[in-house]
Amino acid sequence: MDERALRERAAALCDALVAGDIDRATEDFSKELRQNLGTVLALLPLPSHEATVESVEHGGSGYNVVIRLVGDTEEVLIQTRWKERDDKPTVVEASHLSKTDRAAGGEGEAEGEGEDSS
């Protein structure tokens, strides 16, 4: 699996989520993820008005891709695990890394790099 091609597929996933096109967003999902689509979609702030690929790291037999999604009331980091299936990059896992609440209709809070105790 080529990292450049993987980045392109991850960016296409981001674009589809911002466009609200769930069919296109999930076209690179594994059969197992598509069978549990409700669980995966529950991780995402929908609608999302911004989505970016934050990082791509090779690990084991696949790649870990972190995607940042910004919705109206929250910002989340989702870690996706990609492996080559049928000669194409395929999302085989998705999980939350972090979630930050945002002020409704306004700019997000500070950069969020520090961890505040609540």
C-alpha atoms as a PDB file:
ATOM      1  CA  MET A   1       0.000   0.000   0.000  1.00  0.00           C
ATOM      2  CA  ASP A   2       1.393   3.354  -1.070  1.00  0.00           C
ATOM      3  CA  GLU A   3       1.287   6.153   1.557  1.00  0.00           C
ATOM      4  CA  ARG A   4       0.508   8.794  -1.075  1.00  0.00           C
ATOM      5  CA  ALA A   5      -2.487   6.809  -2.348  1.00  0.00           C
ATOM      6  CA  LEU A   6      -3.611   6.243   1.242  1.00  0.00           C
ATOM      7  CA  ARG A   7      -3.463   9.992   1.975  1.00  0.00           C
ATOM      8  CA  GLU A   8      -5.555  10.634  -1.141  1.00  0.00           C
ATOM      9  CA  ARG A   9      -8.178   8.100  -0.031  1.00  0.00           C
ATOM     10  CA  ALA A  10      -8.244   9.528   3.507  1.00  0.00           C
ATOM     11  CA  ALA A  11      -8.652  13.058   2.085  1.00  0.00           C
ATOM     12  CA  ALA A  12     -11.498  11.801  -0.119  1.00  0.00           C
ATOM     13  CA  LEU A  13     -13.149  10.346   2.995  1.00  0.00           C
ATOM     14  CA  CYS A  14     -12.842  13.762   4.671  1.00  0.00           C
ATOM     15  CA  ASP A  15     -14.296  15.542   1.636  1.00  0.00           C
ATOM     16  CA  ALA A  16     -17.233  13.131   1.510  1.00  0.00           C
ATOM     17  CA  LEU A  17     -18.003  13.625   5.204  1.00  0.00           C
ATOM     18  CA  VAL A  18     -18.029  17.415   4.810  1.00  0.00           C
ATOM     19  CA  ALA A  19     -20.278  17.030   1.745  1.00  0.00           C
ATOM     20  CA  GLY A  20     -22.613  14.820   3.786  1.00  0.00           C
ATOM     21  CA  ASP A  21     -22.195  11.962   1.291  1.00  0.00           C
ATOM     22  CA  ILE A  22     -22.143   8.932   3.604  1.00  0.00           C
ATOM     23  CA  ASP A  23     -22.200   6.447   0.705  1.00  0.00           C
ATOM     24  CA  ARG A  24     -19.039   7.979  -0.744  1.00  0.00           C
ATOM     25  CA  ALA A  25     -17.462   8.364   2.719  1.00  0.00           C
ATOM     26  CA  THR A  26     -17.894   4.663   3.459  1.00  0.00           C
ATOM     27  CA  GLU A  27     -16.842   3.265   0.084  1.00  0.00           C
ATOM     28  CA  ASP A  28     -13.384   2.454   1.505  1.00  0.00           C
ATOM     29  CA  PHE A  29     -14.810   0.811   4.648  1.00  0.00           C
ATOM     30  CA  SER A  30     -14.365  -2.907   5.126  1.00  0.00           C
ATOM     31  CA  LYS A  31     -17.380  -5.192   4.854  1.00  0.00           C
ATOM     32  CA  GLU A  32     -17.339  -5.566   8.652  1.00  0.00           C
ATOM     33  CA  LEU A  33     -17.407  -1.795   9.246  1.00  0.00           C
ATOM     34  CA  ARG A  34     -20.241  -1.345   6.754  1.00  0.00           C
ATOM     35  CA  GLN A  35     -22.223  -4.034   8.592  1.00  0.00           C
ATOM     36  CA  ASN A  36     -21.851  -1.988  11.799  1.00  0.00           C
ATOM     37  CA  LEU A  37     -22.223   1.412  10.168  1.00  0.00           C
ATOM     38  CA  GLY A  38     -24.417   2.892  12.901  1.00  0.00           C
ATOM     39  CA  THR A  39     -21.704   2.323  15.491  1.00  0.00           C
ATOM     40  CA  VAL A  40     -19.080   3.962  13.284  1.00  0.00           C
ATOM     41  CA  LEU A  41     -21.281   6.936  12.374  1.00  0.00           C
ATOM     42  CA  ALA A  42     -22.016   7.511  16.073  1.00  0.00           C
ATOM     43  CA  LEU A  43     -18.307   8.422  16.481  1.00  0.00           C
ATOM     44  CA  LEU A  44     -18.610  11.294  14.013  1.00  0.00           C
ATOM     45  CA  PRO A  45     -19.956  14.803  14.503  1.00  0.00           C
ATOM     46  CA  LEU A  46     -22.529  14.937  11.717  1.00  0.00           C
ATOM     47  CA  PRO A  47     -22.901  17.199   9.958  1.00  0.00           C
ATOM     48  CA  SER A  48     -19.216  18.059   9.846  1.00  0.00           C
ATOM     49  CA  HIS A  49     -18.167  21.351   8.332  1.00  0.00           C
ATOM     50  CA  GLU A  50     -14.434  20.653   8.407  1.00  0.00           C
ATOM     51  CA  ALA A  51     -12.409  17.448   8.108  1.00  0.00           C
ATOM     52  CA  THR A  52      -8.665  17.046   7.753  1.00  0.00           C
ATOM     53  CA  VAL A  53      -6.100  14.271   7.765  1.00  0.00           C
ATOM     54  CA  GLU A  54      -3.959  15.031  10.819  1.00  0.00           C
ATOM     55  CA  SER A  55      -1.415  12.223  10.513  1.00  0.00           C
ATOM     56  CA  VAL A  56      -0.535   9.025   8.676  1.00  0.00           C
ATOM     57  CA  GLU A  57       1.747   6.527  10.393  1.00  0.00           C
ATOM     58  CA  HIS A  58       2.820   3.073   9.297  1.00  0.00           C
ATOM     59  CA  GLY A  59       2.292   0.487  11.994  1.00  0.00           C
ATOM     60  CA  GLY A  60       2.447  -3.286  11.693  1.00  0.00           C
ATOM     61  CA  SER A  61       0.623  -4.535   8.632  1.00  0.00           C
ATOM     62  CA  GLY A  62      -1.260  -1.306   8.009  1.00  0.00           C
ATOM     63  CA  TYR A  63      -1.454   2.413   8.614  1.00  0.00           C
ATOM     64  CA  ASN A  64      -3.002   4.512  11.362  1.00  0.00           C
ATOM     65  CA  VAL A  65      -4.638   7.660  10.008  1.00  0.00           C
ATOM     66  CA  VAL A  66      -5.913  10.322  12.391  1.00  0.00           C
ATOM     67  CA  ILE A  67      -8.763  12.443  11.038  1.00  0.00           C
ATOM     68  CA  ARG A  68      -9.972  15.657  12.683  1.00  0.00           C
ATOM     69  CA  LEU A  69     -13.666  16.401  12.241  1.00  0.00           C
ATOM     70  CA  VAL A  70     -15.340  19.635  13.280  1.00  0.00           C
ATOM     71  CA  GLY A  71     -19.097  19.796  13.724  1.00  0.00           C
ATOM     72  CA  ASP A  72     -21.372  22.507  15.082  1.00  0.00           C
ATOM     73  CA  THR A  73     -20.942  21.531  18.722  1.00  0.00           C
ATOM     74  CA  GLU A  74     -17.882  19.286  18.884  1.00  0.00           C
ATOM     75  CA  GLU A  75     -14.495  18.553  17.420  1.00  0.00           C
ATOM     76  CA  VAL A  76     -13.222  14.980  17.395  1.00  0.00           C
ATOM     77  CA  LEU A  77     -10.075  13.132  16.476  1.00  0.00           C
ATOM     78  CA  ILE A  78     -10.823   9.726  14.985  1.00  0.00           C
ATOM     79  CA  GLN A  79      -8.106   7.137  14.530  1.00  0.00           C
ATOM     80  CA  THR A  80      -8.721   4.946  11.537  1.00  0.00           C
ATOM     81  CA  ARG A  81      -6.786   1.781  10.793  1.00  0.00           C
ATOM     82  CA  TRP A  82      -6.224   1.077   7.092  1.00  0.00           C
ATOM     83  CA  LYS A  83      -5.054  -2.162   5.496  1.00  0.00           C
ATOM     84  CA  GLU A  84      -4.787  -3.262   1.903  1.00  0.00           C
ATOM     85  CA  ARG A  85      -7.783  -5.357   0.885  1.00  0.00           C
ATOM     86  CA  ASP A  86      -8.544  -6.341  -2.708  1.00  0.00           C
ATOM     87  CA  ASP A  87      -5.578  -4.232  -3.838  1.00  0.00           C
ATOM     88  CA  LYS A  88      -6.895  -0.964  -2.354  1.00  0.00           C
ATOM     89  CA  PRO A  89      -6.607   0.921   0.945  1.00  0.00           C
ATOM     90  CA  THR A  90      -9.492  -0.099   3.229  1.00  0.00           C
ATOM     91  CA  VAL A  91     -10.607   1.234   6.615  1.00  0.00           C
ATOM     92  CA  VAL A  92     -10.790  -1.744   8.965  1.00  0.00           C
ATOM     93  CA  GLU A  93     -11.162   0.049  12.334  1.00  0.00           C
ATOM     94  CA  ALA A  94     -12.262   3.446  13.654  1.00  0.00           C
ATOM     95  CA  SER A  95     -12.101   4.769  17.210  1.00  0.00           C
ATOM     96  CA  HIS A  96     -12.234   8.051  19.147  1.00  0.00           C
ATOM     97  CA  LEU A  97      -8.948   9.597  20.199  1.00  0.00           C
ATOM     98  CA  SER A  98     -10.451  12.767  21.657  1.00  0.00           C
ATOM     99  CA  LYS A  99     -13.573  14.887  21.717  1.00  0.00           C
ATOM    100  CA  THR A 100     -13.828  18.599  22.475  1.00  0.00           C
ATOM    101  CA  ASP A 101     -17.094  20.448  22.931  1.00  0.00           C
ATOM    102  CA  ARG A 102     -17.356  23.687  20.989  1.00  0.00           C
ATOM    103  CA  ALA A 103     -19.412  26.793  21.641  1.00  0.00           C
ATOM    104  CA  ALA A 104     -22.540  26.524  19.515  1.00  0.00           C
ATOM    105  CA  GLY A 105     -22.312  28.606  16.375  1.00  0.00           C
ATOM    106  CA  GLY A 106     -19.015  30.179  17.406  1.00  0.00           C
ATOM    107  CA  GLU A 107     -15.353  29.642  17.093  1.00  0.00           C
ATOM    108  CA  GLY A 108     -13.916  26.674  18.937  1.00  0.00           C
ATOM    109  CA  GLU A 109     -12.156  26.979  22.208  1.00  0.00           C
ATOM    110  CA  ALA A 110      -8.411  27.458  22.438  1.00  0.00           C
ATOM    111  CA  GLU A 111      -6.168  25.150  20.499  1.00  0.00           C
ATOM    112  CA  GLY A 112      -6.833  22.363  22.990  1.00  0.00           C
ATOM    113  CA  GLU A 113      -3.263  21.156  23.211  1.00  0.00           C
ATOM    114  CA  GLY A 114      -3.176  21.247  26.986  1.00  0.00           C
ATOM    115  CA  GLU A 115      -5.299  19.009  29.126  1.00  0.00           C
ATOM    116  CA  ASP A 116      -7.333  20.964  31.619  1.00  0.00           C
ATOM    117  CA  SER A 117      -8.553  19.206  34.747  1.00  0.00           C
ATOM    118  CA  SER A 118     -12.279  19.436  35.188  1.00  0.00           C
END
